[in-house]
C-alpha atoms as a PDB file:
ATOM      1  CA  UNK A   1     -12.024  -2.392  26.199  1.00  0.00           C
ATOM      2  CA  UNK A   2     -11.964  -2.124  22.418  1.00  0.00           C
ATOM      3  CA  UNK A   3     -11.538  -5.549  20.777  1.00  0.00           C
ATOM      4  CA  UNK A   4     -10.736  -6.411  17.189  1.00  0.00           C
ATOM      5  CA  UNK A   5      -9.641  -9.435  15.184  1.00  0.00           C
ATOM      6  CA  UNK A   6      -6.679  -8.930  12.868  1.00  0.00           C
ATOM      7  CA  UNK A   7      -5.767 -11.550  10.271  1.00  0.00           C
ATOM      8  CA  UNK A   8      -2.437 -11.076   8.484  1.00  0.00           C
ATOM      9  CA  UNK A   9       0.638 -10.109  10.500  1.00  0.00           C
ATOM     10  CA  UNK A  10       3.161  -9.203   7.814  1.00  0.00           C
ATOM     11  CA  UNK A  11       5.163  -5.976   7.771  1.00  0.00           C
ATOM     12  CA  UNK A  12       2.037  -3.811   7.772  1.00  0.00           C
ATOM     13  CA  UNK A  13      -0.358  -6.011   9.722  1.00  0.00           C
ATOM     14  CA  UNK A  14       2.102  -6.843  12.470  1.00  0.00           C
ATOM     15  CA  UNK A  15       2.911  -3.210  13.153  1.00  0.00           C
ATOM     16  CA  UNK A  16      -0.758  -2.273  13.012  1.00  0.00           C
ATOM     17  CA  UNK A  17      -1.444  -4.893  15.687  1.00  0.00           C
ATOM     18  CA  UNK A  18       1.339  -3.378  17.800  1.00  0.00           C
ATOM     19  CA  UNK A  19       0.000   0.161  17.417  1.00  0.00           C
ATOM     20  CA  UNK A  20      -3.552  -0.928  18.246  1.00  0.00           C
ATOM     21  CA  UNK A  21      -2.357  -2.842  21.314  1.00  0.00           C
ATOM     22  CA  UNK A  22      -0.233   0.049  22.540  1.00  0.00           C
ATOM     23  CA  UNK A  23      -3.209   2.334  22.012  1.00  0.00           C
ATOM     24  CA  UNK A  24      -5.317   0.296  24.422  1.00  0.00           C
ATOM     25  CA  UNK A  25      -7.181  -2.089  22.106  1.00  0.00           C
ATOM     26  CA  UNK A  26      -7.215  -5.859  22.608  1.00  0.00           C
ATOM     27  CA  UNK A  27      -6.120  -7.518  19.376  1.00  0.00           C
ATOM     28  CA  UNK A  28      -7.060 -11.122  18.603  1.00  0.00           C
ATOM     29  CA  UNK A  29      -4.255 -11.849  16.142  1.00  0.00           C
ATOM     30  CA  UNK A  30      -4.233 -14.624  13.570  1.00  0.00           C
ATOM     31  CA  UNK A  31      -1.708 -15.475  10.869  1.00  0.00           C
ATOM     32  CA  UNK A  32      -1.246 -18.287   8.391  1.00  0.00           C
ATOM     33  CA  UNK A  33       2.014 -19.030  10.198  1.00  0.00           C
ATOM     34  CA  UNK A  34       0.776 -19.295  13.798  1.00  0.00           C
ATOM     35  CA  UNK A  35       4.291 -18.879  15.209  1.00  0.00           C
ATOM     36  CA  UNK A  36       4.208 -15.259  14.039  1.00  0.00           C
ATOM     37  CA  UNK A  37       1.040 -14.606  16.059  1.00  0.00           C
ATOM     38  CA  UNK A  38       2.515 -16.306  19.115  1.00  0.00           C
ATOM     39  CA  UNK A  39       5.698 -14.228  18.903  1.00  0.00           C
ATOM     40  CA  UNK A  40       3.669 -11.035  18.625  1.00  0.00           C
ATOM     41  CA  UNK A  41       1.519 -12.003  21.622  1.00  0.00           C
ATOM     42  CA  UNK A  42       4.666 -12.634  23.670  1.00  0.00           C
ATOM     43  CA  UNK A  43       5.871  -9.167  22.724  1.00  0.00           C
ATOM     44  CA  UNK A  44       2.638  -7.186  23.267  1.00  0.00           C
ATOM     45  CA  UNK A  45       0.428  -7.681  26.301  1.00  0.00           C
ATOM     46  CA  UNK A  46      -2.789  -6.666  24.543  1.00  0.00           C
ATOM     47  CA  UNK A  47      -2.275  -9.116  21.657  1.00  0.00           C
ATOM     48  CA  UNK A  48      -3.827 -12.582  21.944  1.00  0.00           C
ATOM     49  CA  UNK A  49      -2.666 -15.222  19.459  1.00  0.00           C
ATOM     50  CA  UNK A  50      -5.461 -17.232  17.837  1.00  0.00           C
ATOM     51  CA  UNK A  51      -4.652 -20.474  16.044  1.00  0.00           C
ATOM     52  CA  UNK A  52      -7.146 -20.043  13.212  1.00  0.00           C
ATOM     53  CA  UNK A  53     -10.005 -17.887  11.998  1.00  0.00           C
ATOM     54  CA  UNK A  54     -12.646 -19.973  13.758  1.00  0.00           C
ATOM     55  CA  UNK A  55     -11.016 -19.550  17.163  1.00  0.00           C
ATOM     56  CA  UNK A  56     -10.437 -15.855  16.516  1.00  0.00           C
ATOM     57  CA  UNK A  57     -14.090 -15.264  15.661  1.00  0.00           C
ATOM     58  CA  UNK A  58     -15.262 -17.324  18.647  1.00  0.00           C
ATOM     59  CA  UNK A  59     -13.123 -15.249  21.019  1.00  0.00           C
ATOM     60  CA  UNK A  60     -14.446 -11.889  19.815  1.00  0.00           C
ATOM     61  CA  UNK A  61     -17.505 -10.323  21.479  1.00  0.00           C
ATOM     62  CA  UNK A  62     -20.430  -9.737  19.125  1.00  0.00           C
ATOM     63  CA  UNK A  63     -20.987  -7.675  17.104  1.00  0.00           C
ATOM     64  CA  UNK A  64     -17.471  -8.428  15.901  1.00  0.00           C
ATOM     65  CA  UNK A  65     -14.947  -6.448  13.877  1.00  0.00           C
ATOM     66  CA  UNK A  66     -12.430  -8.463  11.862  1.00  0.00           C
ATOM     67  CA  UNK A  67      -9.726  -6.651   9.897  1.00  0.00           C
ATOM     68  CA  UNK A  68      -7.877  -8.392   7.054  1.00  0.00           C
ATOM     69  CA  UNK A  69      -4.322  -7.281   6.222  1.00  0.00           C
ATOM     70  CA  UNK A  70      -3.509  -9.788   3.495  1.00  0.00           C
ATOM     71  CA  UNK A  71      -2.179  -9.481  -0.064  1.00  0.00           C
ATOM     72  CA  UNK A  72      -4.874  -8.367  -2.490  1.00  0.00           C
ATOM     73  CA  UNK A  73      -6.369 -11.002  -4.734  1.00  0.00           C
ATOM     74  CA  UNK A  74      -6.504 -14.700  -3.953  1.00  0.00           C
ATOM     75  CA  UNK A  75      -5.367 -14.549  -0.323  1.00  0.00           C
ATOM     76  CA  UNK A  76      -7.975 -11.943   0.615  1.00  0.00           C
ATOM     77  CA  UNK A  77     -10.724 -13.670  -1.383  1.00  0.00           C
ATOM     78  CA  UNK A  78      -9.990 -17.012   0.307  1.00  0.00           C
ATOM     79  CA  UNK A  79     -10.038 -15.441   3.763  1.00  0.00           C
ATOM     80  CA  UNK A  80     -13.384 -13.765   3.126  1.00  0.00           C
ATOM     81  CA  UNK A  81     -14.827 -17.036   1.838  1.00  0.00           C
ATOM     82  CA  UNK A  82     -13.668 -18.801   5.006  1.00  0.00           C
ATOM     83  CA  UNK A  83     -14.823 -16.029   7.335  1.00  0.00           C
ATOM     84  CA  UNK A  84     -18.298 -15.395   5.927  1.00  0.00           C
ATOM     85  CA  UNK A  85     -19.965 -18.510   7.412  1.00  0.00           C
ATOM     86  CA  UNK A  86     -18.186 -17.970  10.749  1.00  0.00           C
ATOM     87  CA  UNK A  87     -19.460 -14.427  11.235  1.00  0.00           C
ATOM     88  CA  UNK A  88     -22.953 -13.445  12.353  1.00  0.00           C
ATOM     89  CA  UNK A  89     -25.425 -10.735  11.313  1.00  0.00           C
ATOM     90  CA  UNK A  90     -24.089  -7.272  12.043  1.00  0.00           C
ATOM     91  CA  UNK A  91     -20.440  -8.355  12.204  1.00  0.00           C
ATOM     92  CA  UNK A  92     -18.092  -6.004  10.365  1.00  0.00           C
ATOM     93  CA  UNK A  93     -15.390  -7.202   7.986  1.00  0.00           C
ATOM     94  CA  UNK A  94     -12.627  -4.733   7.060  1.00  0.00           C
ATOM     95  CA  UNK A  95     -10.387  -5.223   4.020  1.00  0.00           C
ATOM     96  CA  UNK A  96      -7.100  -3.325   4.377  1.00  0.00           C
ATOM     97  CA  UNK A  97      -5.372  -4.799   1.320  1.00  0.00           C
ATOM     98  CA  UNK A  98      -4.243  -2.763  -1.687  1.00  0.00           C
ATOM     99  CA  UNK A  99      -7.266  -4.137  -3.469  1.00  0.00           C
ATOM    100  CA  UNK A 100      -9.180  -3.086  -6.564  1.00  0.00           C
ATOM    101  CA  UNK A 101     -12.105  -0.849  -5.652  1.00  0.00           C
ATOM    102  CA  UNK A 102     -14.572  -2.721  -7.872  1.00  0.00           C
ATOM    103  CA  UNK A 103     -13.726  -5.940  -5.989  1.00  0.00           C
ATOM    104  CA  UNK A 104     -14.578  -4.106  -2.757  1.00  0.00           C
ATOM    105  CA  UNK A 105     -17.908  -2.988  -4.189  1.00  0.00           C
ATOM    106  CA  UNK A 106     -18.881  -6.506  -5.238  1.00  0.00           C
ATOM    107  CA  UNK A 107     -17.750  -7.977  -1.903  1.00  0.00           C
ATOM    108  CA  UNK A 108     -19.710  -5.420   0.045  1.00  0.00           C
ATOM    109  CA  UNK A 109     -22.842  -6.230  -1.924  1.00  0.00           C
ATOM    110  CA  UNK A 110     -22.367  -9.983  -1.522  1.00  0.00           C
ATOM    111  CA  UNK A 111     -21.677  -9.779   2.218  1.00  0.00           C
ATOM    112  CA  UNK A 112     -24.657  -7.476   2.754  1.00  0.00           C
ATOM    113  CA  UNK A 113     -26.817 -10.266   1.381  1.00  0.00           C
ATOM    114  CA  UNK A 114     -25.534 -12.444   4.237  1.00  0.00           C
ATOM    115  CA  UNK A 115     -26.308  -9.787   6.834  1.00  0.00           C
ATOM    116  CA  UNK A 116     -22.636  -8.817   7.198  1.00  0.00           C
ATOM    117  CA  UNK A 117     -21.151  -5.339   7.107  1.00  0.00           C
ATOM    118  CA  UNK A 118     -18.091  -4.408   5.025  1.00  0.00           C
ATOM    119  CA  UNK A 119     -15.586  -1.545   4.937  1.00  0.00           C
ATOM    120  CA  UNK A 120     -12.599  -1.160   2.610  1.00  0.00           C
ATOM    121  CA  UNK A 121      -9.622   0.784   3.973  1.00  0.00           C
ATOM    122  CA  UNK A 122      -6.660   1.995   1.962  1.00  0.00           C
ATOM    123  CA  UNK A 123      -3.639   2.024   4.270  1.00  0.00           C
ATOM    124  CA  UNK A 124      -0.495   4.077   3.689  1.00  0.00           C
ATOM    125  CA  UNK A 125       2.479   4.409   5.993  1.00  0.00           C
ATOM    126  CA  UNK A 126       4.594   1.360   5.263  1.00  0.00           C
ATOM    127  CA  UNK A 127       7.164   0.262   7.802  1.00  0.00           C
ATOM    128  CA  UNK A 128       7.072   3.701   9.437  1.00  0.00           C
ATOM    129  CA  UNK A 129       3.419   3.470  10.425  1.00  0.00           C
ATOM    130  CA  UNK A 130       4.067   1.993  13.867  1.00  0.00           C
ATOM    131  CA  UNK A 131       6.018   5.044  14.999  1.00  0.00           C
ATOM    132  CA  UNK A 132       4.354   7.770  12.920  1.00  0.00           C
ATOM    133  CA  UNK A 133       0.827   6.484  12.429  1.00  0.00           C
ATOM    134  CA  UNK A 134      -0.955   5.417   9.259  1.00  0.00           C
ATOM    135  CA  UNK A 135      -2.913   7.329   6.637  1.00  0.00           C
ATOM    136  CA  UNK A 136      -6.272   5.577   6.393  1.00  0.00           C
ATOM    137  CA  UNK A 137      -8.848   5.998   3.614  1.00  0.00           C
ATOM    138  CA  UNK A 138     -12.096   4.221   4.459  1.00  0.00           C
ATOM    139  CA  UNK A 139     -15.108   3.358   2.323  1.00  0.00           C
ATOM    140  CA  UNK A 140     -18.395   2.209   3.848  1.00  0.00           C
ATOM    141  CA  UNK A 141     -21.651   3.206   5.503  1.00  0.00           C
ATOM    142  CA  UNK A 142     -21.895   5.866   8.195  1.00  0.00           C
ATOM    143  CA  UNK A 143     -22.839   3.409  10.951  1.00  0.00           C
ATOM    144  CA  UNK A 144     -19.999   1.052  10.040  1.00  0.00           C
ATOM    145  CA  UNK A 145     -17.440   3.862  10.061  1.00  0.00           C
ATOM    146  CA  UNK A 146     -18.735   5.046  13.424  1.00  0.00           C
ATOM    147  CA  UNK A 147     -18.006   1.564  14.814  1.00  0.00           C
ATOM    148  CA  UNK A 148     -14.587   1.433  13.199  1.00  0.00           C
ATOM    149  CA  UNK A 149     -13.568   5.011  14.065  1.00  0.00           C
ATOM    150  CA  UNK A 150     -12.071   4.245  17.531  1.00  0.00           C
ATOM    151  CA  UNK A 151      -9.599   1.856  15.887  1.00  0.00           C
ATOM    152  CA  UNK A 152      -8.825   4.276  13.049  1.00  0.00           C
ATOM    153  CA  UNK A 153      -8.075   6.973  15.621  1.00  0.00           C
ATOM    154  CA  UNK A 154      -5.484   4.728  17.281  1.00  0.00           C
ATOM    155  CA  UNK A 155      -3.866   3.762  13.982  1.00  0.00           C
ATOM    156  CA  UNK A 156      -3.761   7.320  12.625  1.00  0.00           C
ATOM    157  CA  UNK A 157      -1.057   9.866  13.570  1.00  0.00           C
ATOM    158  CA  UNK A 158      -3.569  11.598  15.872  1.00  0.00           C
ATOM    159  CA  UNK A 159      -7.236  10.936  16.646  1.00  0.00           C
ATOM    160  CA  UNK A 160      -8.239  13.871  14.431  1.00  0.00           C
ATOM    161  CA  UNK A 161      -5.763  13.600  11.544  1.00  0.00           C
ATOM    162  CA  UNK A 162      -4.691  10.928   9.104  1.00  0.00           C
ATOM    163  CA  UNK A 163      -7.985   9.105   8.646  1.00  0.00           C
ATOM    164  CA  UNK A 164     -11.029   9.853   6.520  1.00  0.00           C
ATOM    165  CA  UNK A 165     -14.418   8.408   5.725  1.00  0.00           C
ATOM    166  CA  UNK A 166     -13.855   8.809   1.992  1.00  0.00           C
ATOM    167  CA  UNK A 167     -17.285   7.640   0.816  1.00  0.00           C
ATOM    168  CA  UNK A 168     -19.325   4.464   0.235  1.00  0.00           C
ATOM    169  CA  UNK A 169     -17.871   0.968  -0.093  1.00  0.00           C
ATOM    170  CA  UNK A 170     -15.118   1.044  -2.716  1.00  0.00           C
ATOM    171  CA  UNK A 171     -14.172   4.671  -2.066  1.00  0.00           C
ATOM    172  CA  UNK A 172     -11.391   3.715   0.325  1.00  0.00           C
ATOM    173  CA  UNK A 173      -9.566   1.509  -2.152  1.00  0.00           C
ATOM    174  CA  UNK A 174     -10.248   3.936  -5.011  1.00  0.00           C
ATOM    175  CA  UNK A 175      -8.686   6.799  -3.043  1.00  0.00           C
ATOM    176  CA  UNK A 176      -5.663   4.648  -2.168  1.00  0.00           C
ATOM    177  CA  UNK A 177      -5.323   3.624  -5.821  1.00  0.00           C
ATOM    178  CA  UNK A 178      -5.068   7.260  -6.924  1.00  0.00           C
ATOM    179  CA  UNK A 179      -2.716   7.971  -3.997  1.00  0.00           C
ATOM    180  CA  UNK A 180      -0.353   5.282  -5.302  1.00  0.00           C
ATOM    181  CA  UNK A 181      -0.559   6.640  -8.829  1.00  0.00           C
ATOM    182  CA  UNK A 182       0.546  10.050  -7.536  1.00  0.00           C
ATOM    183  CA  UNK A 183       3.303   8.313  -5.590  1.00  0.00           C
ATOM    184  CA  UNK A 184       4.584   6.763  -8.846  1.00  0.00           C
ATOM    185  CA  UNK A 185       4.809  10.186 -10.477  1.00  0.00           C
ATOM    186  CA  UNK A 186       6.547  11.854  -7.537  1.00  0.00           C
ATOM    187  CA  UNK A 187       9.101   9.063  -7.234  1.00  0.00           C
ATOM    188  CA  UNK A 188       9.793   9.133 -10.973  1.00  0.00           C
ATOM    189  CA  UNK A 189      10.402  12.894 -10.997  1.00  0.00           C
ATOM    190  CA  UNK A 190      12.871  12.696  -8.119  1.00  0.00           C
ATOM    191  CA  UNK A 191      14.672   9.716  -9.649  1.00  0.00           C
ATOM    192  CA  UNK A 192      15.014  11.406 -13.046  1.00  0.00           C
ATOM    193  CA  UNK A 193      16.212  14.659 -11.485  1.00  0.00           C
ATOM    194  CA  UNK A 194      18.982  12.972  -9.523  1.00  0.00           C
ATOM    195  CA  UNK A 195      19.964  10.930 -12.575  1.00  0.00           C
ATOM    196  CA  UNK A 196      20.346  14.187 -14.526  1.00  0.00           C
ATOM    197  CA  UNK A 197      22.465  15.710 -11.767  1.00  0.00           C
ATOM    198  CA  UNK A 198      24.718  12.643 -11.685  1.00  0.00           C
ATOM    199  CA  UNK A 199      25.148  12.662 -15.462  1.00  0.00           C
ATOM    200  CA  UNK A 200      26.663  16.197 -15.423  1.00  0.00           C
ATOM    201  CA  UNK A 201      30.131  14.829 -14.700  1.00  0.00           C
ATOM    202  CA  UNK A 202      32.004  18.078 -15.449  1.00  0.00           C
ATOM    203  CA  UNK A 203      30.481  19.682 -12.333  1.00  0.00           C
ATOM    204  CA  UNK A 204      31.260  16.725 -10.070  1.00  0.00           C
ATOM    205  CA  UNK A 205      28.013  17.390  -8.193  1.00  0.00           C
ATOM    206  CA  UNK A 206      27.535  15.972  -4.711  1.00  0.00           C
ATOM    207  CA  UNK A 207      24.027  14.630  -5.136  1.00  0.00           C
ATOM    208  CA  UNK A 208      23.790  13.557  -1.504  1.00  0.00           C
ATOM    209  CA  UNK A 209      24.507  17.144  -0.428  1.00  0.00           C
ATOM    210  CA  UNK A 210      21.976  18.460  -2.947  1.00  0.00           C
ATOM    211  CA  UNK A 211      19.315  16.070  -1.637  1.00  0.00           C
ATOM    212  CA  UNK A 212      19.995  17.291   1.896  1.00  0.00           C
ATOM    213  CA  UNK A 213      19.893  20.921   0.709  1.00  0.00           C
ATOM    214  CA  UNK A 214      16.517  20.508  -0.969  1.00  0.00           C
ATOM    215  CA  UNK A 215      15.004  19.096   2.218  1.00  0.00           C
ATOM    216  CA  UNK A 216      15.082  22.580   3.751  1.00  0.00           C
ATOM    217  CA  UNK A 217      12.598  25.213   2.503  1.00  0.00           C
ATOM    218  CA  UNK A 218      12.626  23.889  -1.080  1.00  0.00           C
ATOM    219  CA  UNK A 219       9.314  23.480  -2.878  1.00  0.00           C
ATOM    220  CA  UNK A 220      10.258  19.848  -3.654  1.00  0.00           C
ATOM    221  CA  UNK A 221      10.821  18.929   0.014  1.00  0.00           C
ATOM    222  CA  UNK A 222       8.889  15.800   0.914  1.00  0.00           C
ATOM    223  CA  UNK A 223       9.084  12.516   2.799  1.00  0.00           C
ATOM    224  CA  UNK A 224      10.259  10.827  -0.399  1.00  0.00           C
ATOM    225  CA  UNK A 225      13.096  13.350  -0.605  1.00  0.00           C
ATOM    226  CA  UNK A 226      13.905  12.705   3.069  1.00  0.00           C
ATOM    227  CA  UNK A 227      14.214   8.984   2.340  1.00  0.00           C
ATOM    228  CA  UNK A 228      16.316   9.678  -0.759  1.00  0.00           C
ATOM    229  CA  UNK A 229      18.681  11.958   1.145  1.00  0.00           C
ATOM    230  CA  UNK A 230      19.071   9.290   3.797  1.00  0.00           C
ATOM    231  CA  UNK A 231      20.197   6.489   1.470  1.00  0.00           C
ATOM    232  CA  UNK A 232      22.279   8.781  -0.777  1.00  0.00           C
ATOM    233  CA  UNK A 233      24.210   9.890   2.301  1.00  0.00           C
ATOM    234  CA  UNK A 234      25.590   6.381   2.732  1.00  0.00           C
ATOM    235  CA  UNK A 235      25.673   5.267  -0.933  1.00  0.00           C
ATOM    236  CA  UNK A 236      25.456   7.976  -3.590  1.00  0.00           C
ATOM    237  CA  UNK A 237      26.452   5.702  -6.492  1.00  0.00           C
ATOM    238  CA  UNK A 238      23.980   2.842  -5.863  1.00  0.00           C
ATOM    239  CA  UNK A 239      26.255   0.540  -7.842  1.00  0.00           C
ATOM    240  CA  UNK A 240      25.060  -2.583  -6.056  1.00  0.00           C
ATOM    241  CA  UNK A 241      21.380  -1.927  -6.815  1.00  0.00           C
ATOM    242  CA  UNK A 242      19.788  -3.587  -9.843  1.00  0.00           C
ATOM    243  CA  UNK A 243      17.945  -1.059 -12.072  1.00  0.00           C
ATOM    244  CA  UNK A 244      14.666  -2.935 -11.769  1.00  0.00           C
ATOM    245  CA  UNK A 245      11.549  -1.413 -10.221  1.00  0.00           C
ATOM    246  CA  UNK A 246       8.507  -3.525  -9.367  1.00  0.00           C
ATOM    247  CA  UNK A 247       5.000  -2.178  -9.871  1.00  0.00           C
ATOM    248  CA  UNK A 248       1.887  -2.843  -7.850  1.00  0.00           C
ATOM    249  CA  UNK A 249      -1.542  -3.469  -9.286  1.00  0.00           C
ATOM    250  CA  UNK A 250      -2.655  -0.033  -8.145  1.00  0.00           C
ATOM    251  CA  UNK A 251      -0.422   1.791 -10.631  1.00  0.00           C
ATOM    252  CA  UNK A 252      -1.937  -0.184 -13.480  1.00  0.00           C
ATOM    253  CA  UNK A 253      -5.482   0.284 -12.162  1.00  0.00           C
ATOM    254  CA  UNK A 254      -4.912   4.045 -11.952  1.00  0.00           C
ATOM    255  CA  UNK A 255      -3.852   4.199 -15.604  1.00  0.00           C
ATOM    256  CA  UNK A 256      -6.830   2.098 -16.707  1.00  0.00           C
ATOM    257  CA  UNK A 257      -9.261   4.184 -14.641  1.00  0.00           C
ATOM    258  CA  UNK A 258      -7.888   7.380 -16.193  1.00  0.00           C
ATOM    259  CA  UNK A 259      -8.564   5.970 -19.658  1.00  0.00           C
ATOM    260  CA  UNK A 260     -12.047   4.838 -18.619  1.00  0.00           C
ATOM    261  CA  UNK A 261     -12.931   8.267 -17.206  1.00  0.00           C
ATOM    262  CA  UNK A 262     -11.214  10.161 -20.015  1.00  0.00           C
ATOM    263  CA  UNK A 263      -8.972  12.050 -17.585  1.00  0.00           C
ATOM    264  CA  UNK A 264      -5.430  12.740 -18.854  1.00  0.00           C
ATOM    265  CA  UNK A 265      -2.816  11.474 -16.384  1.00  0.00           C
ATOM    266  CA  UNK A 266       0.402  11.519 -18.446  1.00  0.00           C
ATOM    267  CA  UNK A 267       2.828  11.770 -15.515  1.00  0.00           C
ATOM    268  CA  UNK A 268       1.396   8.851 -13.548  1.00  0.00           C
ATOM    269  CA  UNK A 269       0.963   6.710 -16.654  1.00  0.00           C
ATOM    270  CA  UNK A 270       4.480   7.370 -17.962  1.00  0.00           C
ATOM    271  CA  UNK A 271       5.891   6.602 -14.518  1.00  0.00           C
ATOM    272  CA  UNK A 272       4.189   3.207 -14.741  1.00  0.00           C
ATOM    273  CA  UNK A 273       5.590   2.687 -18.245  1.00  0.00           C
ATOM    274  CA  UNK A 274       9.096   3.445 -16.938  1.00  0.00           C
ATOM    275  CA  UNK A 275       8.716   0.754 -14.283  1.00  0.00           C
ATOM    276  CA  UNK A 276       7.573  -1.755 -16.874  1.00  0.00           C
ATOM    277  CA  UNK A 277      10.584  -0.874 -19.018  1.00  0.00           C
ATOM    278  CA  UNK A 278      12.924  -1.454 -16.056  1.00  0.00           C
ATOM    279  CA  UNK A 279      11.518  -4.980 -15.815  1.00  0.00           C
ATOM    280  CA  UNK A 280      12.722  -5.793 -19.333  1.00  0.00           C
ATOM    281  CA  UNK A 281       9.260  -5.552 -20.859  1.00  0.00           C
ATOM    282  CA  UNK A 282      10.464  -2.996 -23.379  1.00  0.00           C
ATOM    283  CA  UNK A 283      13.419  -5.046 -24.565  1.00  0.00           C
ATOM    284  CA  UNK A 284      11.783  -6.547 -27.660  1.00  0.00           C
ATOM    285  CA  UNK A 285      10.503  -3.148 -28.785  1.00  0.00           C
ATOM    286  CA  UNK A 286      14.043  -1.757 -28.428  1.00  0.00           C
ATOM    287  CA  UNK A 287      15.395  -4.676 -30.436  1.00  0.00           C
ATOM    288  CA  UNK A 288      12.845  -3.853 -33.122  1.00  0.00           C
ATOM    289  CA  UNK A 289      13.980  -0.218 -33.129  1.00  0.00           C
ATOM    290  CA  UNK A 290      17.626  -1.215 -33.476  1.00  0.00           C
ATOM    291  CA  UNK A 291      16.837  -3.435 -36.475  1.00  0.00           C
ATOM    292  CA  UNK A 292      14.692  -0.749 -38.143  1.00  0.00           C
ATOM    293  CA  UNK A 293      17.588   1.742 -37.846  1.00  0.00           C
ATOM    294  CA  UNK A 294      19.861  -0.829 -39.407  1.00  0.00           C
ATOM    295  CA  UNK A 295      17.353  -1.431 -42.212  1.00  0.00           C
ATOM    296  CA  UNK A 296      16.853   2.165 -43.315  1.00  0.00           C
ATOM    297  CA  UNK A 297      20.217   3.676 -42.401  1.00  0.00           C
ATOM    298  CA  UNK A 298      22.684   0.844 -42.239  1.00  0.00           C
ATOM    299  CA  UNK A 299      23.359   1.632 -38.556  1.00  0.00           C
ATOM    300  CA  UNK A 300      25.315  -0.982 -36.610  1.00  0.00           C
ATOM    301  CA  UNK A 301      23.459  -3.260 -34.225  1.00  0.00           C
ATOM    302  CA  UNK A 302      25.118  -4.157 -30.950  1.00  0.00           C
ATOM    303  CA  UNK A 303      25.097  -7.855 -30.103  1.00  0.00           C
ATOM    304  CA  UNK A 304      24.134  -9.029 -26.615  1.00  0.00           C
END
């Protein structure tokens, strides 16, 4: 039987453990809150709850595969630091976080010096991955991907689609970074289009009906449009939703990488800027603009 250790059982990690278990793999599951692992083990027969990383590693047959599904940054770095002395030569560590590709490159190099193998995997699919499968972008050596492939085939929509050996270590997270940059642009275009439709009050447009219309044979049909049509059907005004959009590190990294490589990416970069503006980070600049207009033209300034 295929066996894997999975550390991090949040919205993505928990459902990945479920899909692996239902696909026939035995999952040694570990989480910072052990009760989460125990609940998952009670739910899925092929999931075994492990109290900590040491017990998880000890339970896995060598050569081991341990997959991390933790937030990028400090949490992932701390887990790798704790795991490295527990693992043995030839063991494979997989980082499935939305991490920076250069961090993956440096980690792979450092772990190789300890005799450990490393693969970075960009994971897309969100909360729908359990039912529909995940899109998996993997970076690492050929031998390491051959070992990991049986698990990728279970996680993907089908054994032959939805997963790719993208290139060497770092390529998985780089590909996912660009994927998220494209996602920013697509979401922004849809949002702006529906805002324009809603603003044309004289036509009294039914934007929920338009979203549903466009889902069928339109060139803009997409999963993002499907999701938009779904929530507009029940709430087309969105009056209870704050106009604030968070941004992930990957959107920022994409913009910086485009500048570094000299590749123009105006749509993705402006989509990121729009998100930053929604967070209030453009407020002072707008205050400056209002005061400049007052200074040269005597235009009124609106008080808060």
